[in-house]
Amino acid sequence: MSFQICIRTEKSLQQLAMEIRNLFSLPTFRQNSFSGEPYCQFEMLGMIILIQQAEEHERDPEVRDYQYCFVLQLSFADNELKMDDIEYQLQPYYAQLLSFKLGLETAYQERQ
């Protein structure tokens, strides 16, 4: 199961990434492309944040007009923590924080 925050905004991918970087005091992001689709990636202390434009056909009807996805992945390998549970609990928090601090419309989505 994967988790993602869906974001609806008129901002460009780069502008959105800059605002998120400033909000969370993240290091500089890398802008890459995978299968021709651009995305921005932050890496910090075992945490990877991806911001990408979501394919419309891959979105559920409830979030069809939310064009961006914010995905948080924790990459701690050797520990006894349940990383899926931690990610599951952090995602809604980040969705609310982005919505409140940046004035974005957000939705939280679970994917099978």
C-alpha atoms as a PDB file:
ATOM      1  CA  MET A   1       0.000   0.000   0.000  1.00  0.00           C
ATOM      2  CA  SER A   2       1.295   3.462  -0.758  1.00  0.00           C
ATOM      3  CA  PHE A   3       0.272   6.815   0.594  1.00  0.00           C
ATOM      4  CA  GLN A   4       0.356  10.205  -1.047  1.00  0.00           C
ATOM      5  CA  ILE A   5      -0.843  13.715  -0.565  1.00  0.00           C
ATOM      6  CA  CYS A   6      -2.675  15.155  -3.552  1.00  0.00           C
ATOM      7  CA  ILE A   7      -2.270  18.899  -4.088  1.00  0.00           C
ATOM      8  CA  ARG A   8      -4.415  21.263  -6.138  1.00  0.00           C
ATOM      9  CA  THR A   9      -2.786  24.572  -7.035  1.00  0.00           C
ATOM     10  CA  GLU A  10      -2.130  26.860  -9.981  1.00  0.00           C
ATOM     11  CA  LYS A  11       1.576  27.019  -9.092  1.00  0.00           C
ATOM     12  CA  SER A  12       4.273  25.417 -11.208  1.00  0.00           C
ATOM     13  CA  LEU A  13       6.139  22.354  -9.983  1.00  0.00           C
ATOM     14  CA  GLN A  14       9.279  24.420  -9.311  1.00  0.00           C
ATOM     15  CA  GLN A  15       7.377  27.121  -7.416  1.00  0.00           C
ATOM     16  CA  LEU A  16       5.584  24.511  -5.320  1.00  0.00           C
ATOM     17  CA  ALA A  17       8.885  22.749  -4.544  1.00  0.00           C
ATOM     18  CA  MET A  18      10.512  26.053  -3.519  1.00  0.00           C
ATOM     19  CA  GLU A  19       7.653  26.897  -1.133  1.00  0.00           C
ATOM     20  CA  ILE A  20       7.744  23.421   0.430  1.00  0.00           C
ATOM     21  CA  ARG A  21      11.537  23.645   0.750  1.00  0.00           C
ATOM     22  CA  ASN A  22      11.232  26.981   2.555  1.00  0.00           C
ATOM     23  CA  LEU A  23       8.399  25.782   4.805  1.00  0.00           C
ATOM     24  CA  PHE A  24      10.241  22.665   6.011  1.00  0.00           C
ATOM     25  CA  SER A  25      13.770  24.161   5.828  1.00  0.00           C
ATOM     26  CA  LEU A  26      14.825  21.402   3.449  1.00  0.00           C
ATOM     27  CA  PRO A  27      18.052  21.326   1.466  1.00  0.00           C
ATOM     28  CA  THR A  28      18.039  22.171  -2.222  1.00  0.00           C
ATOM     29  CA  PHE A  29      15.917  19.839  -4.312  1.00  0.00           C
ATOM     30  CA  ARG A  30      16.938  17.947  -7.421  1.00  0.00           C
ATOM     31  CA  GLN A  31      14.712  18.212 -10.417  1.00  0.00           C
ATOM     32  CA  ASN A  32      14.669  15.002 -12.422  1.00  0.00           C
ATOM     33  CA  SER A  33      12.533  13.316 -15.006  1.00  0.00           C
ATOM     34  CA  PHE A  34      11.233   9.756 -14.971  1.00  0.00           C
ATOM     35  CA  SER A  35       9.449   8.444 -18.059  1.00  0.00           C
ATOM     36  CA  GLY A  36       9.381  12.012 -19.338  1.00  0.00           C
ATOM     37  CA  GLU A  37       7.499  13.315 -16.279  1.00  0.00           C
ATOM     38  CA  PRO A  38       9.364  15.909 -14.196  1.00  0.00           C
ATOM     39  CA  TYR A  39       9.571  15.634 -10.423  1.00  0.00           C
ATOM     40  CA  CYS A  40      11.437  17.314  -7.573  1.00  0.00           C
ATOM     41  CA  GLN A  41      13.192  15.272  -4.904  1.00  0.00           C
ATOM     42  CA  PHE A  42      14.436  16.255  -1.459  1.00  0.00           C
ATOM     43  CA  GLU A  43      16.672  13.988   0.621  1.00  0.00           C
ATOM     44  CA  MET A  44      17.368  14.599   4.279  1.00  0.00           C
ATOM     45  CA  LEU A  45      18.232  12.363   7.234  1.00  0.00           C
ATOM     46  CA  GLY A  46      16.765   9.170   5.814  1.00  0.00           C
ATOM     47  CA  MET A  47      13.698  10.921   4.444  1.00  0.00           C
ATOM     48  CA  ILE A  48      12.877  11.282   0.764  1.00  0.00           C
ATOM     49  CA  ILE A  49      10.182  13.693  -0.397  1.00  0.00           C
ATOM     50  CA  LEU A  50       8.971  13.534  -3.986  1.00  0.00           C
ATOM     51  CA  ILE A  51       6.769  16.182  -5.569  1.00  0.00           C
ATOM     52  CA  GLN A  52       5.493  15.247  -8.978  1.00  0.00           C
ATOM     53  CA  GLN A  53       2.710  15.901 -11.405  1.00  0.00           C
ATOM     54  CA  ALA A  54       0.236  13.037 -11.230  1.00  0.00           C
ATOM     55  CA  GLU A  55      -1.139  11.337 -14.305  1.00  0.00           C
ATOM     56  CA  GLU A  56      -4.850  12.108 -14.557  1.00  0.00           C
ATOM     57  CA  HIS A  57      -5.789   8.537 -15.481  1.00  0.00           C
ATOM     58  CA  GLU A  58      -4.031   7.233 -12.338  1.00  0.00           C
ATOM     59  CA  ARG A  59      -5.992   9.481  -9.966  1.00  0.00           C
ATOM     60  CA  ASP A  60      -9.167   8.468  -8.201  1.00  0.00           C
ATOM     61  CA  PRO A  61     -12.279  10.452  -9.191  1.00  0.00           C
ATOM     62  CA  GLU A  62     -12.270  12.315  -5.865  1.00  0.00           C
ATOM     63  CA  VAL A  63      -8.842  13.811  -6.596  1.00  0.00           C
ATOM     64  CA  ARG A  64      -9.000  14.002 -10.392  1.00  0.00           C
ATOM     65  CA  ASP A  65      -8.336  17.769 -10.401  1.00  0.00           C
ATOM     66  CA  TYR A  66      -5.449  17.601  -7.886  1.00  0.00           C
ATOM     67  CA  GLN A  67      -2.529  17.733 -10.321  1.00  0.00           C
ATOM     68  CA  TYR A  68       0.439  17.210  -7.939  1.00  0.00           C
ATOM     69  CA  CYS A  69       1.459  14.462  -5.525  1.00  0.00           C
ATOM     70  CA  PHE A  70       3.613  14.827  -2.425  1.00  0.00           C
ATOM     71  CA  VAL A  71       5.100  11.477  -1.407  1.00  0.00           C
ATOM     72  CA  LEU A  72       7.084  10.922   1.784  1.00  0.00           C
ATOM     73  CA  GLN A  73       9.324   7.868   2.108  1.00  0.00           C
ATOM     74  CA  LEU A  74      11.470   6.968   5.087  1.00  0.00           C
ATOM     75  CA  SER A  75      14.563   4.988   4.167  1.00  0.00           C
ATOM     76  CA  PHE A  76      15.834   3.768   7.518  1.00  0.00           C
ATOM     77  CA  ALA A  77      16.816   0.163   6.865  1.00  0.00           C
ATOM     78  CA  ASP A  78      18.211  -1.466   9.997  1.00  0.00           C
ATOM     79  CA  ASN A  79      15.853  -0.747  12.858  1.00  0.00           C
ATOM     80  CA  GLU A  80      12.926  -2.185  14.739  1.00  0.00           C
ATOM     81  CA  LEU A  81      10.554   0.652  13.867  1.00  0.00           C
ATOM     82  CA  LYS A  82       7.511   0.000  11.722  1.00  0.00           C
ATOM     83  CA  MET A  83       8.250   2.480   8.942  1.00  0.00           C
ATOM     84  CA  ASP A  84       4.926   1.963   7.149  1.00  0.00           C
ATOM     85  CA  ASP A  85       3.061   2.930  10.328  1.00  0.00           C
ATOM     86  CA  ILE A  86       5.195   6.046  10.778  1.00  0.00           C
ATOM     87  CA  GLU A  87       4.655   7.111   7.154  1.00  0.00           C
ATOM     88  CA  TYR A  88       0.927   6.404   7.509  1.00  0.00           C
ATOM     89  CA  GLN A  89       0.706   8.696  10.541  1.00  0.00           C
ATOM     90  CA  LEU A  90       2.886  11.483   9.080  1.00  0.00           C
ATOM     91  CA  GLN A  91       1.121  11.848   5.737  1.00  0.00           C
ATOM     92  CA  PRO A  92      -2.150  13.390   7.033  1.00  0.00           C
ATOM     93  CA  TYR A  93      -0.129  15.740   9.237  1.00  0.00           C
ATOM     94  CA  TYR A  94       1.881  16.980   6.250  1.00  0.00           C
ATOM     95  CA  ALA A  95      -1.310  17.359   4.174  1.00  0.00           C
ATOM     96  CA  GLN A  96      -2.841  19.613   6.826  1.00  0.00           C
ATOM     97  CA  LEU A  97       0.383  21.569   7.295  1.00  0.00           C
ATOM     98  CA  LEU A  98       0.747  22.229   3.557  1.00  0.00           C
ATOM     99  CA  SER A  99      -2.862  23.283   3.344  1.00  0.00           C
ATOM    100  CA  PHE A 100      -2.676  25.629   6.319  1.00  0.00           C
ATOM    101  CA  LYS A 101       0.757  27.193   5.811  1.00  0.00           C
ATOM    102  CA  LEU A 102       0.840  27.436   1.995  1.00  0.00           C
ATOM    103  CA  GLY A 103      -2.873  27.874   1.329  1.00  0.00           C
ATOM    104  CA  LEU A 104      -3.006  24.776  -0.873  1.00  0.00           C
ATOM    105  CA  GLU A 105      -5.937  22.435  -1.319  1.00  0.00           C
ATOM    106  CA  THR A 106      -4.814  18.974  -0.257  1.00  0.00           C
ATOM    107  CA  ALA A 107      -6.284  15.503  -0.078  1.00  0.00           C
ATOM    108  CA  TYR A 108      -4.800  12.358   1.394  1.00  0.00           C
ATOM    109  CA  GLN A 109      -4.979   9.205  -0.711  1.00  0.00           C
ATOM    110  CA  GLU A 110      -4.139   5.564  -0.051  1.00  0.00           C
ATOM    111  CA  ARG A 111      -3.288   3.358  -3.019  1.00  0.00           C
ATOM    112  CA  GLN A 112      -3.384  -0.428  -3.097  1.00  0.00           C
END
